[in-house]
Amino acid sequence: MELDYDPRKRFGAHLAAVRRKRGISQERLALESGLARSYLSGVERGLRNIALVNICILAQALDMQPSELLDFRATGA
């Protein structure tokens, strides 16, 4: 399997893995972060170029550091 190096796809895959590992639905993360569920779906599929401010918002909602969301090695994304 070839790894996709598009950072949007890697970030999205990592975000989805973190969210699932914590047992959080997209709907719940959307409510807790104030971001639209459709936007989160696009981010997780690598279709959206997420802004730094939204990375920080998601990190806060997931109770983690923004840098952890950018550490793709953690999930192999």
PDB file of N, CA and C in Angstrom:
ATOM      1  N   MET A   1       0.846  -1.190   0.000  1.00  0.00           N
ATOM      2  CA  MET A   1       0.000   0.000   0.000  1.00  0.00           C
ATOM      3  C   MET A   1       0.880   1.237   0.000  1.00  0.00           C
ATOM      4  N   GLU A   2       0.642   2.134  -0.918  1.00  0.00           N
ATOM      5  CA  GLU A   2       1.449   3.337  -1.035  1.00  0.00           C
ATOM      6  C   GLU A   2       0.903   4.420  -0.109  1.00  0.00           C
ATOM      7  N   LEU A   3       1.797   5.037   0.635  1.00  0.00           N
ATOM      8  CA  LEU A   3       1.421   6.098   1.559  1.00  0.00           C
ATOM      9  C   LEU A   3       1.196   7.386   0.787  1.00  0.00           C
ATOM     10  N   ASP A   4       0.119   8.064   1.033  1.00  0.00           N
ATOM     11  CA  ASP A   4      -0.174   9.333   0.384  1.00  0.00           C
ATOM     12  C   ASP A   4       0.482  10.442   1.201  1.00  0.00           C
ATOM     13  N   TYR A   5       1.329  11.232   0.571  1.00  0.00           N
ATOM     14  CA  TYR A   5       2.059  12.266   1.297  1.00  0.00           C
ATOM     15  C   TYR A   5       1.380  13.628   1.271  1.00  0.00           C
ATOM     16  N   ASP A   6       0.179  13.711   0.733  1.00  0.00           N
ATOM     17  CA  ASP A   6      -0.557  14.972   0.767  1.00  0.00           C
ATOM     18  C   ASP A   6      -0.822  15.310   2.234  1.00  0.00           C
ATOM     19  N   PRO A   7      -0.302  16.431   2.735  1.00  0.00           N
ATOM     20  CA  PRO A   7      -0.468  16.748   4.156  1.00  0.00           C
ATOM     21  C   PRO A   7      -1.928  16.891   4.572  1.00  0.00           C
ATOM     22  N   ARG A   8      -2.794  17.306   3.664  1.00  0.00           N
ATOM     23  CA  ARG A   8      -4.218  17.411   4.005  1.00  0.00           C
ATOM     24  C   ARG A   8      -4.803  16.035   4.289  1.00  0.00           C
ATOM     25  N   LYS A   9      -4.432  15.054   3.465  1.00  0.00           N
ATOM     26  CA  LYS A   9      -4.928  13.689   3.676  1.00  0.00           C
ATOM     27  C   LYS A   9      -4.308  13.065   4.916  1.00  0.00           C
ATOM     28  N   ARG A  10      -3.034  13.320   5.134  1.00  0.00           N
ATOM     29  CA  ARG A  10      -2.362  12.766   6.308  1.00  0.00           C
ATOM     30  C   ARG A  10      -2.947  13.357   7.593  1.00  0.00           C
ATOM     31  N   PHE A  11      -3.154  14.681   7.601  1.00  0.00           N
ATOM     32  CA  PHE A  11      -3.754  15.324   8.771  1.00  0.00           C
ATOM     33  C   PHE A  11      -5.151  14.772   9.011  1.00  0.00           C
ATOM     34  N   GLY A  12      -5.940  14.694   7.952  1.00  0.00           N
ATOM     35  CA  GLY A  12      -7.315  14.206   8.082  1.00  0.00           C
ATOM     36  C   GLY A  12      -7.387  12.785   8.599  1.00  0.00           C
ATOM     37  N   ALA A  13      -6.525  11.930   8.083  1.00  0.00           N
ATOM     38  CA  ALA A  13      -6.506  10.538   8.548  1.00  0.00           C
ATOM     39  C   ALA A  13      -6.103  10.460  10.017  1.00  0.00           C
ATOM     40  N   HIS A  14      -5.150  11.282  10.393  1.00  0.00           N
ATOM     41  CA  HIS A  14      -4.702  11.292  11.797  1.00  0.00           C
ATOM     42  C   HIS A  14      -5.807  11.829  12.703  1.00  0.00           C
ATOM     43  N   LEU A  15      -6.445  12.909  12.299  1.00  0.00           N
ATOM     44  CA  LEU A  15      -7.548  13.469  13.086  1.00  0.00           C
ATOM     45  C   LEU A  15      -8.651  12.433  13.270  1.00  0.00           C
ATOM     46  N   ALA A  16      -9.023  11.755  12.197  1.00  0.00           N
ATOM     47  CA  ALA A  16     -10.069  10.735  12.278  1.00  0.00           C
ATOM     48  C   ALA A  16      -9.658   9.606  13.210  1.00  0.00           C
ATOM     49  N   ALA A  17      -8.396   9.184  13.138  1.00  0.00           N
ATOM     50  CA  ALA A  17      -7.913   8.103  14.000  1.00  0.00           C
ATOM     51  C   ALA A  17      -7.946   8.516  15.470  1.00  0.00           C
ATOM     52  N   VAL A  18      -7.517   9.735  15.756  1.00  0.00           N
ATOM     53  CA  VAL A  18      -7.538  10.237  17.137  1.00  0.00           C
ATOM     54  C   VAL A  18      -8.977  10.302  17.637  1.00  0.00           C
ATOM     55  N   ARG A  19      -9.850  10.838  16.808  1.00  0.00           N
ATOM     56  CA  ARG A  19     -11.260  10.977  17.200  1.00  0.00           C
ATOM     57  C   ARG A  19     -11.882   9.613  17.481  1.00  0.00           C
ATOM     58  N   ARG A  20     -11.651   8.656  16.586  1.00  0.00           N
ATOM     59  CA  ARG A  20     -12.218   7.313  16.778  1.00  0.00           C
ATOM     60  C   ARG A  20     -11.645   6.624  18.006  1.00  0.00           C
ATOM     61  N   LYS A  21     -10.341   6.770  18.211  1.00  0.00           N
ATOM     62  CA  LYS A  21      -9.689   6.145  19.368  1.00  0.00           C
ATOM     63  C   LYS A  21     -10.302   6.647  20.671  1.00  0.00           C
ATOM     64  N   ARG A  22     -10.745   7.878  20.668  1.00  0.00           N
ATOM     65  CA  ARG A  22     -11.365   8.469  21.861  1.00  0.00           C
ATOM     66  C   ARG A  22     -12.865   8.224  21.932  1.00  0.00           C
ATOM     67  N   GLY A  23     -13.395   7.539  20.914  1.00  0.00           N
ATOM     68  CA  GLY A  23     -14.824   7.214  20.908  1.00  0.00           C
ATOM     69  C   GLY A  23     -15.715   8.419  20.682  1.00  0.00           C
ATOM     70  N   ILE A  24     -15.230   9.370  19.918  1.00  0.00           N
ATOM     71  CA  ILE A  24     -15.977  10.605  19.666  1.00  0.00           C
ATOM     72  C   ILE A  24     -16.486  10.597  18.224  1.00  0.00           C
ATOM     73  N   SER A  25     -17.753  10.897  18.043  1.00  0.00           N
ATOM     74  CA  SER A  25     -18.322  10.985  16.696  1.00  0.00           C
ATOM     75  C   SER A  25     -17.964  12.341  16.074  1.00  0.00           C
ATOM     76  N   GLN A  26     -18.076  12.421  14.764  1.00  0.00           N
ATOM     77  CA  GLN A  26     -17.875  13.710  14.096  1.00  0.00           C
ATOM     78  C   GLN A  26     -18.870  14.733  14.626  1.00  0.00           C
ATOM     79  N   GLU A  27     -20.089  14.288  14.828  1.00  0.00           N
ATOM     80  CA  GLU A  27     -21.147  15.184  15.331  1.00  0.00           C
ATOM     81  C   GLU A  27     -20.759  15.778  16.688  1.00  0.00           C
ATOM     82  N   ARG A  28     -20.290  14.926  17.581  1.00  0.00           N
ATOM     83  CA  ARG A  28     -19.904  15.403  18.917  1.00  0.00           C
ATOM     84  C   ARG A  28     -18.713  16.350  18.834  1.00  0.00           C
ATOM     85  N   LEU A  29     -17.709  15.994  18.023  1.00  0.00           N
ATOM     86  CA  LEU A  29     -16.540  16.871  17.891  1.00  0.00           C
ATOM     87  C   LEU A  29     -16.953  18.210  17.288  1.00  0.00           C
ATOM     88  N   ALA A  30     -17.870  18.171  16.349  1.00  0.00           N
ATOM     89  CA  ALA A  30     -18.371  19.413  15.759  1.00  0.00           C
ATOM     90  C   ALA A  30     -19.032  20.281  16.825  1.00  0.00           C
ATOM     91  N   LEU A  31     -19.872  19.673  17.646  1.00  0.00           N
ATOM     92  CA  LEU A  31     -20.552  20.429  18.704  1.00  0.00           C
ATOM     93  C   LEU A  31     -19.562  20.991  19.714  1.00  0.00           C
ATOM     94  N   GLU A  32     -18.575  20.195  20.104  1.00  0.00           N
ATOM     95  CA  GLU A  32     -17.618  20.624  21.121  1.00  0.00           C
ATOM     96  C   GLU A  32     -16.620  21.654  20.596  1.00  0.00           C
ATOM     97  N   SER A  33     -16.368  21.627  19.295  1.00  0.00           N
ATOM     98  CA  SER A  33     -15.391  22.559  18.731  1.00  0.00           C
ATOM     99  C   SER A  33     -16.042  23.809  18.133  1.00  0.00           C
ATOM    100  N   GLY A  34     -17.342  23.713  17.829  1.00  0.00           N
ATOM    101  CA  GLY A  34     -18.014  24.830  17.185  1.00  0.00           C
ATOM    102  C   GLY A  34     -17.800  24.857  15.675  1.00  0.00           C
ATOM    103  N   LEU A  35     -17.194  23.803  15.128  1.00  0.00           N
ATOM    104  CA  LEU A  35     -16.984  23.699  13.687  1.00  0.00           C
ATOM    105  C   LEU A  35     -18.101  22.842  13.084  1.00  0.00           C
ATOM    106  N   ALA A  36     -18.430  23.102  11.852  1.00  0.00           N
ATOM    107  CA  ALA A  36     -19.507  22.355  11.185  1.00  0.00           C
ATOM    108  C   ALA A  36     -19.077  20.906  10.948  1.00  0.00           C
ATOM    109  N   ARG A  37     -20.015  19.985  11.111  1.00  0.00           N
ATOM    110  CA  ARG A  37     -19.716  18.571  10.877  1.00  0.00           C
ATOM    111  C   ARG A  37     -19.300  18.332   9.437  1.00  0.00           C
ATOM    112  N   SER A  38     -19.934  19.027   8.503  1.00  0.00           N
ATOM    113  CA  SER A  38     -19.570  18.865   7.091  1.00  0.00           C
ATOM    114  C   SER A  38     -18.136  19.341   6.846  1.00  0.00           C
ATOM    115  N   TYR A  39     -17.713  20.379   7.552  1.00  0.00           N
ATOM    116  CA  TYR A  39     -16.336  20.861   7.444  1.00  0.00           C
ATOM    117  C   TYR A  39     -15.375  19.798   7.989  1.00  0.00           C
ATOM    118  N   LEU A  40     -15.691  19.229   9.160  1.00  0.00           N
ATOM    119  CA  LEU A  40     -14.843  18.177   9.743  1.00  0.00           C
ATOM    120  C   LEU A  40     -14.753  16.973   8.818  1.00  0.00           C
ATOM    121  N   SER A  41     -15.855  16.620   8.186  1.00  0.00           N
ATOM    122  CA  SER A  41     -15.852  15.508   7.249  1.00  0.00           C
ATOM    123  C   SER A  41     -14.882  15.783   6.104  1.00  0.00           C
ATOM    124  N   GLY A  42     -14.926  16.982   5.571  1.00  0.00           N
ATOM    125  CA  GLY A  42     -14.017  17.362   4.495  1.00  0.00           C
ATOM    126  C   GLY A  42     -12.562  17.358   4.934  1.00  0.00           C
ATOM    127  N   VAL A  43     -12.312  17.808   6.161  1.00  0.00           N
ATOM    128  CA  VAL A  43     -10.949  17.794   6.706  1.00  0.00           C
ATOM    129  C   VAL A  43     -10.469  16.353   6.833  1.00  0.00           C
ATOM    130  N   GLU A  44     -11.298  15.497   7.411  1.00  0.00           N
ATOM    131  CA  GLU A  44     -10.898  14.105   7.620  1.00  0.00           C
ATOM    132  C   GLU A  44     -10.675  13.366   6.303  1.00  0.00           C
ATOM    133  N   ARG A  45     -11.345  13.759   5.255  1.00  0.00           N
ATOM    134  CA  ARG A  45     -11.158  13.120   3.946  1.00  0.00           C
ATOM    135  C   ARG A  45     -10.040  13.776   3.140  1.00  0.00           C
ATOM    136  N   GLY A  46      -9.414  14.806   3.718  1.00  0.00           N
ATOM    137  CA  GLY A  46      -8.304  15.469   3.042  1.00  0.00           C
ATOM    138  C   GLY A  46      -8.729  16.403   1.937  1.00  0.00           C
ATOM    139  N   LEU A  47      -9.984  16.828   1.963  1.00  0.00           N
ATOM    140  CA  LEU A  47     -10.506  17.716   0.924  1.00  0.00           C
ATOM    141  C   LEU A  47     -10.418  19.183   1.304  1.00  0.00           C
ATOM    142  N   ARG A  48     -10.231  19.464   2.583  1.00  0.00           N
ATOM    143  CA  ARG A  48     -10.184  20.841   3.069  1.00  0.00           C
ATOM    144  C   ARG A  48      -8.780  21.159   3.548  1.00  0.00           C
ATOM    145  N   ASN A  49      -8.346  22.364   3.284  1.00  0.00           N
ATOM    146  CA  ASN A  49      -7.058  22.845   3.760  1.00  0.00           C
ATOM    147  C   ASN A  49      -7.316  23.577   5.076  1.00  0.00           C
ATOM    148  N   ILE A  50      -7.169  22.873   6.173  1.00  0.00           N
ATOM    149  CA  ILE A  50      -7.548  23.390   7.490  1.00  0.00           C
ATOM    150  C   ILE A  50      -6.629  24.533   7.920  1.00  0.00           C
ATOM    151  N   ALA A  51      -7.217  25.542   8.511  1.00  0.00           N
ATOM    152  CA  ALA A  51      -6.479  26.700   9.012  1.00  0.00           C
ATOM    153  C   ALA A  51      -5.868  26.387  10.372  1.00  0.00           C
ATOM    154  N   LEU A  52      -4.772  27.047  10.666  1.00  0.00           N
ATOM    155  CA  LEU A  52      -4.090  26.861  11.939  1.00  0.00           C
ATOM    156  C   LEU A  52      -5.026  27.114  13.121  1.00  0.00           C
ATOM    157  N   VAL A  53      -5.853  28.134  13.021  1.00  0.00           N
ATOM    158  CA  VAL A  53      -6.772  28.431  14.121  1.00  0.00           C
ATOM    159  C   VAL A  53      -7.718  27.252  14.360  1.00  0.00           C
ATOM    160  N   ASN A  54      -8.150  26.571  13.294  1.00  0.00           N
ATOM    161  CA  ASN A  54      -9.048  25.424  13.457  1.00  0.00           C
ATOM    162  C   ASN A  54      -8.314  24.202  14.015  1.00  0.00           C
ATOM    163  N   ILE A  55      -7.039  24.060  13.698  1.00  0.00           N
ATOM    164  CA  ILE A  55      -6.237  22.996  14.315  1.00  0.00           C
ATOM    165  C   ILE A  55      -6.189  23.227  15.820  1.00  0.00           C
ATOM    166  N   CYS A  56      -5.981  24.463  16.219  1.00  0.00           N
ATOM    167  CA  CYS A  56      -5.937  24.792  17.653  1.00  0.00           C
ATOM    168  C   CYS A  56      -7.285  24.555  18.324  1.00  0.00           C
ATOM    169  N   ILE A  57      -8.366  24.903  17.650  1.00  0.00           N
ATOM    170  CA  ILE A  57      -9.714  24.679  18.190  1.00  0.00           C
ATOM    171  C   ILE A  57      -9.973  23.187  18.374  1.00  0.00           C
ATOM    172  N   LEU A  58      -9.620  22.382  17.371  1.00  0.00           N
ATOM    173  CA  LEU A  58      -9.823  20.936  17.467  1.00  0.00           C
ATOM    174  C   LEU A  58      -8.959  20.329  18.565  1.00  0.00           C
ATOM    175  N   ALA A  59      -7.729  20.787  18.665  1.00  0.00           N
ATOM    176  CA  ALA A  59      -6.836  20.276  19.709  1.00  0.00           C
ATOM    177  C   ALA A  59      -7.421  20.554  21.090  1.00  0.00           C
ATOM    178  N   GLN A  60      -7.941  21.756  21.279  1.00  0.00           N
ATOM    179  CA  GLN A  60      -8.551  22.091  22.569  1.00  0.00           C
ATOM    180  C   GLN A  60      -9.766  21.204  22.837  1.00  0.00           C
ATOM    181  N   ALA A  61     -10.590  20.986  21.833  1.00  0.00           N
ATOM    182  CA  ALA A  61     -11.781  20.140  21.999  1.00  0.00           C
ATOM    183  C   ALA A  61     -11.396  18.693  22.303  1.00  0.00           C
ATOM    184  N   LEU A  62     -10.240  18.257  21.786  1.00  0.00           N
ATOM    185  CA  LEU A  62      -9.762  16.887  22.017  1.00  0.00           C
ATOM    186  C   LEU A  62      -8.829  16.791  23.226  1.00  0.00           C
ATOM    187  N   ASP A  63      -8.633  17.921  23.917  1.00  0.00           N
ATOM    188  CA  ASP A  63      -7.773  17.993  25.104  1.00  0.00           C
ATOM    189  C   ASP A  63      -6.352  17.500  24.796  1.00  0.00           C
ATOM    190  N   MET A  64      -5.767  18.106  23.760  1.00  0.00           N
ATOM    191  CA  MET A  64      -4.403  17.759  23.378  1.00  0.00           C
ATOM    192  C   MET A  64      -3.715  18.995  22.811  1.00  0.00           C
ATOM    193  N   GLN A  65      -2.432  18.903  22.619  1.00  0.00           N
ATOM    194  CA  GLN A  65      -1.673  20.000  22.040  1.00  0.00           C
ATOM    195  C   GLN A  65      -1.848  20.015  20.524  1.00  0.00           C
ATOM    196  N   PRO A  66      -1.878  21.193  19.909  1.00  0.00           N
ATOM    197  CA  PRO A  66      -1.976  21.254  18.449  1.00  0.00           C
ATOM    198  C   PRO A  66      -0.855  20.459  17.763  1.00  0.00           C
ATOM    199  N   SER A  67       0.313  20.474  18.341  1.00  0.00           N
ATOM    200  CA  SER A  67       1.435  19.740  17.738  1.00  0.00           C
ATOM    201  C   SER A  67       1.156  18.247  17.655  1.00  0.00           C
ATOM    202  N   GLU A  68       0.351  17.722  18.581  1.00  0.00           N
ATOM    203  CA  GLU A  68       0.004  16.298  18.547  1.00  0.00           C
ATOM    204  C   GLU A  68      -0.867  15.958  17.337  1.00  0.00           C
ATOM    205  N   LEU A  69      -1.680  16.911  16.913  1.00  0.00           N
ATOM    206  CA  LEU A  69      -2.503  16.679  15.732  1.00  0.00           C
ATOM    207  C   LEU A  69      -1.665  16.709  14.461  1.00  0.00           C
ATOM    208  N   LEU A  70      -0.502  17.327  14.533  1.00  0.00           N
ATOM    209  CA  LEU A  70       0.385  17.391  13.374  1.00  0.00           C
ATOM    210  C   LEU A  70       1.430  16.289  13.381  1.00  0.00           C
ATOM    211  N   ASP A  71       1.415  15.453  14.406  1.00  0.00           N
ATOM    212  CA  ASP A  71       2.376  14.335  14.487  1.00  0.00           C
ATOM    213  C   ASP A  71       1.752  13.106  13.838  1.00  0.00           C
ATOM    214  N   PHE A  72       1.897  13.015  12.538  1.00  0.00           N
ATOM    215  CA  PHE A  72       1.283  11.931  11.780  1.00  0.00           C
ATOM    216  C   PHE A  72       1.894  10.572  12.097  1.00  0.00           C
ATOM    217  N   ARG A  73       3.090  10.560  12.651  1.00  0.00           N
ATOM    218  CA  ARG A  73       3.756   9.290  12.967  1.00  0.00           C
ATOM    219  C   ARG A  73       2.974   8.491  14.001  1.00  0.00           C
ATOM    220  N   ALA A  74       2.217   9.182  14.840  1.00  0.00           N
ATOM    221  CA  ALA A  74       1.493   8.524  15.924  1.00  0.00           C
ATOM    222  C   ALA A  74       0.487   7.489  15.413  1.00  0.00           C
ATOM    223  N   THR A  75      -0.104   7.747  14.250  1.00  0.00           N
ATOM    224  CA  THR A  75      -1.101   6.822  13.711  1.00  0.00           C
ATOM    225  C   THR A  75      -0.660   6.245  12.372  1.00  0.00           C
ATOM    226  N   GLY A  76       0.533   6.606  11.935  1.00  0.00           N
ATOM    227  CA  GLY A  76       1.023   6.098  10.660  1.00  0.00           C
ATOM    228  C   GLY A  76       0.350   6.754   9.472  1.00  0.00           C
ATOM    229  N   ALA A  77      -0.341   7.855   9.714  1.00  0.00           N
ATOM    230  CA  ALA A  77      -1.029   8.551   8.613  1.00  0.00           C
ATOM    231  C   ALA A  77      -0.036   9.216   7.686  1.00  0.00           C
TER     232      ALA A  77
END
